């Protein structure tokens, strides 16, 4: 294993950012609760994926699916409203936002 010192980390990050998500077309985020990390991740993907066609935000907890707790989890609409409010205006024109 070799390690190399990078003098200009910002330059490397800019170069990687340009091609990192250029072919990403579909994204599904499961367990979205509307917290800071959720919104930042979704915003990053929307902003940096120029070919994005559809992003699905699933607010259900993946651990509760198919259990009696799944019903309780569906009653919380805060995460859905948060996703709609914070992400709709940030979408590229051709991209679709689906909130479950």
N, C-alpha and C. Protein backbone atom coordinates (compact mmCIF):
# COMPACT_ATOMS: atom_id res chain seq x y z
N UNK A 1 0.85 -1.16 0.00
CA UNK A 1 0.00 0.00 0.00
C UNK A 1 0.90 1.23 0.00
N UNK A 2 0.56 2.17 -0.86
CA UNK A 2 1.33 3.40 -0.93
C UNK A 2 0.43 4.58 -0.61
N UNK A 3 0.98 5.54 0.09
CA UNK A 3 0.27 6.77 0.40
C UNK A 3 1.00 7.93 -0.24
N UNK A 4 0.25 8.87 -0.78
CA UNK A 4 0.84 10.03 -1.41
C UNK A 4 0.25 11.29 -0.79
N UNK A 5 1.10 12.27 -0.54
CA UNK A 5 0.65 13.54 -0.02
C UNK A 5 0.05 14.36 -1.15
N UNK A 6 -1.11 14.90 -0.94
CA UNK A 6 -1.77 15.72 -1.95
C UNK A 6 -1.64 17.17 -1.52
N UNK A 7 -1.01 17.95 -2.37
CA UNK A 7 -0.77 19.36 -2.06
C UNK A 7 -2.04 20.20 -2.14
N UNK A 8 -2.82 19.98 -3.17
CA UNK A 8 -4.00 20.82 -3.38
C UNK A 8 -5.26 19.95 -3.33
N UNK A 9 -5.72 19.67 -2.12
CA UNK A 9 -6.87 18.79 -1.95
C UNK A 9 -8.12 19.40 -2.57
N UNK A 10 -8.26 20.73 -2.55
CA UNK A 10 -9.43 21.37 -3.15
C UNK A 10 -9.47 21.15 -4.66
N UNK A 11 -8.32 21.18 -5.31
CA UNK A 11 -8.26 20.92 -6.74
C UNK A 11 -8.71 19.50 -7.04
N UNK A 12 -8.23 18.55 -6.26
CA UNK A 12 -8.61 17.15 -6.45
C UNK A 12 -10.11 16.98 -6.24
N UNK A 13 -10.65 17.61 -5.20
CA UNK A 13 -12.08 17.50 -4.93
C UNK A 13 -12.91 18.10 -6.06
N UNK A 14 -12.48 19.23 -6.62
CA UNK A 14 -13.20 19.84 -7.74
C UNK A 14 -13.17 18.93 -8.97
N UNK A 15 -12.03 18.34 -9.25
CA UNK A 15 -11.91 17.44 -10.40
C UNK A 15 -12.78 16.20 -10.22
N UNK A 16 -12.79 15.63 -9.03
CA UNK A 16 -13.60 14.45 -8.77
C UNK A 16 -15.09 14.77 -8.80
N UNK A 17 -15.45 15.94 -8.31
CA UNK A 17 -16.86 16.34 -8.26
C UNK A 17 -17.47 16.43 -9.66
N UNK A 18 -16.66 16.85 -10.63
CA UNK A 18 -17.16 17.03 -11.98
C UNK A 18 -17.60 15.73 -12.63
N UNK A 19 -16.98 14.63 -12.27
CA UNK A 19 -17.33 13.37 -12.94
C UNK A 19 -17.93 12.34 -12.00
N UNK A 20 -18.02 12.63 -10.75
CA UNK A 20 -18.41 11.65 -9.75
C UNK A 20 -19.82 11.09 -9.98
N UNK A 21 -20.78 11.93 -10.25
CA UNK A 21 -22.16 11.49 -10.35
C UNK A 21 -22.77 11.78 -11.72
N UNK A 22 -21.96 11.94 -12.72
CA UNK A 22 -22.46 12.42 -14.01
C UNK A 22 -23.41 11.45 -14.70
N UNK A 23 -23.36 10.16 -14.39
CA UNK A 23 -24.26 9.21 -15.05
C UNK A 23 -25.35 8.67 -14.12
N UNK A 24 -25.45 9.21 -12.92
CA UNK A 24 -26.47 8.76 -11.97
C UNK A 24 -27.85 9.21 -12.44
N UNK A 25 -28.76 8.26 -12.65
CA UNK A 25 -30.09 8.59 -13.15
C UNK A 25 -31.20 8.36 -12.14
N UNK A 26 -31.04 7.37 -11.28
CA UNK A 26 -32.10 7.02 -10.34
C UNK A 26 -31.51 6.87 -8.94
N UNK A 27 -32.20 7.45 -7.95
CA UNK A 27 -31.78 7.38 -6.55
C UNK A 27 -32.98 7.04 -5.71
N UNK A 28 -32.79 6.16 -4.73
CA UNK A 28 -33.82 5.89 -3.73
C UNK A 28 -33.19 6.01 -2.37
N UNK A 29 -33.73 6.91 -1.55
CA UNK A 29 -33.28 7.08 -0.18
C UNK A 29 -34.33 6.49 0.75
N UNK A 30 -33.97 5.44 1.46
CA UNK A 30 -34.89 4.77 2.38
C UNK A 30 -34.65 5.25 3.80
N UNK A 31 -35.72 5.34 4.56
CA UNK A 31 -35.61 5.74 5.96
C UNK A 31 -35.40 7.24 6.13
N UNK A 32 -35.80 8.04 5.15
CA UNK A 32 -35.65 9.49 5.21
C UNK A 32 -36.55 10.04 6.32
N UNK A 33 -35.95 10.74 7.28
CA UNK A 33 -36.72 11.29 8.40
C UNK A 33 -36.76 12.82 8.39
N UNK A 34 -36.01 13.44 7.49
CA UNK A 34 -36.02 14.89 7.41
C UNK A 34 -34.98 15.57 8.25
N UNK A 35 -34.07 14.81 8.81
CA UNK A 35 -32.99 15.39 9.60
C UNK A 35 -31.95 16.06 8.71
N UNK A 36 -31.03 16.75 9.34
CA UNK A 36 -30.00 17.49 8.61
C UNK A 36 -29.22 16.59 7.66
N UNK A 37 -28.80 15.43 8.12
CA UNK A 37 -28.02 14.52 7.28
C UNK A 37 -28.84 14.03 6.08
N UNK A 38 -30.12 13.74 6.30
CA UNK A 38 -30.99 13.30 5.21
C UNK A 38 -31.10 14.37 4.12
N UNK A 39 -31.37 15.58 4.56
CA UNK A 39 -31.56 16.69 3.61
C UNK A 39 -30.25 17.02 2.89
N UNK A 40 -29.14 17.01 3.62
CA UNK A 40 -27.85 17.29 2.99
C UNK A 40 -27.49 16.24 1.95
N UNK A 41 -27.72 14.97 2.24
CA UNK A 41 -27.43 13.91 1.27
C UNK A 41 -28.30 14.06 0.03
N UNK A 42 -29.59 14.24 0.22
CA UNK A 42 -30.49 14.40 -0.92
C UNK A 42 -30.13 15.62 -1.75
N UNK A 43 -29.81 16.73 -1.09
CA UNK A 43 -29.43 17.95 -1.80
C UNK A 43 -28.14 17.74 -2.57
N UNK A 44 -27.18 17.07 -1.98
CA UNK A 44 -25.92 16.79 -2.66
C UNK A 44 -26.16 15.98 -3.93
N UNK A 45 -26.97 14.95 -3.82
CA UNK A 45 -27.26 14.10 -4.98
C UNK A 45 -27.98 14.87 -6.07
N UNK A 46 -28.97 15.65 -5.68
CA UNK A 46 -29.74 16.44 -6.65
C UNK A 46 -28.84 17.46 -7.35
N UNK A 47 -27.99 18.11 -6.59
CA UNK A 47 -27.13 19.16 -7.12
C UNK A 47 -26.02 18.63 -8.02
N UNK A 48 -25.51 17.44 -7.72
CA UNK A 48 -24.32 16.94 -8.40
C UNK A 48 -24.58 15.81 -9.39
N UNK A 49 -25.82 15.51 -9.68
CA UNK A 49 -26.14 14.46 -10.64
C UNK A 49 -26.91 15.08 -11.81
N UNK A 50 -26.19 15.57 -12.82
CA UNK A 50 -26.85 16.28 -13.92
C UNK A 50 -27.79 15.40 -14.76
N UNK A 51 -27.59 14.09 -14.75
CA UNK A 51 -28.43 13.19 -15.54
C UNK A 51 -29.60 12.62 -14.72
N UNK A 52 -29.78 13.11 -13.50
CA UNK A 52 -30.81 12.57 -12.61
C UNK A 52 -32.20 12.66 -13.25
N UNK A 53 -32.89 11.53 -13.28
CA UNK A 53 -34.24 11.48 -13.83
C UNK A 53 -35.29 11.33 -12.73
N UNK A 54 -34.92 10.60 -11.67
CA UNK A 54 -35.92 10.35 -10.62
C UNK A 54 -35.21 10.12 -9.29
N UNK A 55 -35.73 10.77 -8.25
CA UNK A 55 -35.27 10.51 -6.89
C UNK A 55 -36.48 10.12 -6.06
N UNK A 56 -36.38 8.98 -5.42
CA UNK A 56 -37.46 8.47 -4.57
C UNK A 56 -37.03 8.64 -3.12
N UNK A 57 -37.87 9.31 -2.36
CA UNK A 57 -37.65 9.50 -0.93
C UNK A 57 -38.65 8.62 -0.19
N UNK A 58 -38.15 7.59 0.46
CA UNK A 58 -39.01 6.67 1.20
C UNK A 58 -38.88 7.00 2.68
N UNK A 59 -39.94 7.55 3.26
CA UNK A 59 -39.90 7.99 4.65
C UNK A 59 -40.16 6.85 5.64
N UNK A 60 -40.49 5.69 5.11
CA UNK A 60 -40.75 4.57 6.01
C UNK A 60 -39.44 4.00 6.54
N UNK A 61 -39.47 3.54 7.77
CA UNK A 61 -38.30 2.91 8.36
C UNK A 61 -38.17 1.50 7.78
N UNK A 62 -37.05 1.19 7.11
CA UNK A 62 -36.92 -0.12 6.47
C UNK A 62 -36.99 -1.28 7.46
N UNK A 63 -36.69 -1.04 8.73
CA UNK A 63 -36.75 -2.10 9.73
C UNK A 63 -38.18 -2.43 10.15
N UNK A 64 -39.13 -1.50 9.93
CA UNK A 64 -40.52 -1.71 10.33
C UNK A 64 -41.38 -2.30 9.22
N UNK A 65 -40.91 -2.30 7.99
CA UNK A 65 -41.73 -2.77 6.88
C UNK A 65 -42.18 -4.21 7.11
N UNK A 66 -43.48 -4.43 6.97
CA UNK A 66 -44.04 -5.78 7.15
C UNK A 66 -44.27 -6.18 8.58
N UNK A 67 -44.12 -5.25 9.52
CA UNK A 67 -44.36 -5.53 10.93
C UNK A 67 -45.51 -4.67 11.43
N UNK A 68 -46.05 -4.96 12.61
CA UNK A 68 -47.12 -4.10 13.15
C UNK A 68 -46.67 -2.64 13.35
N UNK A 69 -45.39 -2.42 13.55
CA UNK A 69 -44.90 -1.05 13.72
C UNK A 69 -44.93 -0.25 12.43
N UNK A 70 -45.08 -0.93 11.31
CA UNK A 70 -45.15 -0.26 10.01
C UNK A 70 -46.34 0.71 9.97
N UNK A 71 -47.44 0.35 10.58
CA UNK A 71 -48.64 1.20 10.60
C UNK A 71 -48.36 2.49 11.36
N UNK A 72 -47.68 2.39 12.50
CA UNK A 72 -47.36 3.58 13.28
C UNK A 72 -46.40 4.49 12.53
N UNK A 73 -45.46 3.89 11.82
CA UNK A 73 -44.46 4.66 11.08
C UNK A 73 -45.11 5.47 9.96
N UNK A 74 -46.16 4.95 9.34
CA UNK A 74 -46.82 5.63 8.22
C UNK A 74 -47.61 6.86 8.68
N UNK A 75 -47.94 6.93 9.94
CA UNK A 75 -48.75 8.04 10.43
C UNK A 75 -47.97 9.34 10.57
N UNK A 76 -46.66 9.27 10.55
CA UNK A 76 -45.83 10.46 10.72
C UNK A 76 -45.59 11.11 9.36
N UNK A 77 -46.29 12.22 9.09
CA UNK A 77 -46.17 12.89 7.81
C UNK A 77 -45.12 13.99 7.79
N UNK A 78 -44.46 14.22 8.91
CA UNK A 78 -43.48 15.31 8.98
C UNK A 78 -42.33 15.12 8.00
N UNK A 79 -41.83 13.91 7.87
CA UNK A 79 -40.70 13.65 6.98
C UNK A 79 -41.12 13.89 5.52
N UNK A 80 -42.34 13.53 5.19
CA UNK A 80 -42.83 13.75 3.82
C UNK A 80 -42.94 15.23 3.51
N UNK A 81 -43.50 15.99 4.43
CA UNK A 81 -43.63 17.43 4.23
C UNK A 81 -42.26 18.10 4.14
N UNK A 82 -41.35 17.65 4.98
CA UNK A 82 -39.99 18.19 4.97
C UNK A 82 -39.33 17.94 3.62
N UNK A 83 -39.43 16.72 3.11
CA UNK A 83 -38.83 16.38 1.81
C UNK A 83 -39.44 17.22 0.70
N UNK A 84 -40.74 17.34 0.71
CA UNK A 84 -41.42 18.11 -0.33
C UNK A 84 -41.01 19.58 -0.27
N UNK A 85 -41.01 20.15 0.91
CA UNK A 85 -40.70 21.56 1.08
C UNK A 85 -39.25 21.89 0.73
N UNK A 86 -38.31 21.05 1.18
CA UNK A 86 -36.90 21.37 1.03
C UNK A 86 -36.28 20.92 -0.30
N UNK A 87 -36.88 19.94 -0.96
CA UNK A 87 -36.22 19.38 -2.15
C UNK A 87 -36.88 19.73 -3.48
N UNK A 88 -38.16 20.04 -3.48
CA UNK A 88 -38.87 20.27 -4.73
C UNK A 88 -38.23 21.37 -5.58
N UNK A 89 -37.90 22.48 -4.98
CA UNK A 89 -37.33 23.61 -5.72
C UNK A 89 -35.89 23.39 -6.17
N UNK A 90 -35.23 22.39 -5.62
CA UNK A 90 -33.83 22.13 -5.95
C UNK A 90 -33.66 21.13 -7.09
N UNK A 91 -34.74 20.49 -7.48
CA UNK A 91 -34.66 19.47 -8.53
C UNK A 91 -34.32 20.06 -9.89
N UNK A 92 -33.53 19.34 -10.68
CA UNK A 92 -33.36 19.75 -12.07
C UNK A 92 -34.71 19.69 -12.79
N UNK A 93 -34.91 20.48 -13.83
CA UNK A 93 -36.21 20.55 -14.50
C UNK A 93 -36.75 19.21 -14.97
N UNK A 94 -35.89 18.33 -15.43
CA UNK A 94 -36.35 17.05 -15.98
C UNK A 94 -36.50 15.96 -14.93
N UNK A 95 -36.11 16.22 -13.69
CA UNK A 95 -36.12 15.18 -12.66
C UNK A 95 -37.48 15.11 -11.97
N UNK A 96 -37.82 13.91 -11.54
CA UNK A 96 -39.06 13.65 -10.84
C UNK A 96 -38.75 13.32 -9.38
N UNK A 97 -39.56 13.86 -8.47
CA UNK A 97 -39.44 13.58 -7.04
C UNK A 97 -40.65 12.76 -6.62
N UNK A 98 -40.39 11.55 -6.09
CA UNK A 98 -41.44 10.68 -5.61
C UNK A 98 -41.23 10.50 -4.11
N UNK A 99 -42.26 10.82 -3.33
CA UNK A 99 -42.16 10.71 -1.87
C UNK A 99 -43.13 9.64 -1.40
N UNK A 100 -42.60 8.63 -0.72
CA UNK A 100 -43.42 7.53 -0.19
C UNK A 100 -43.58 7.66 1.30
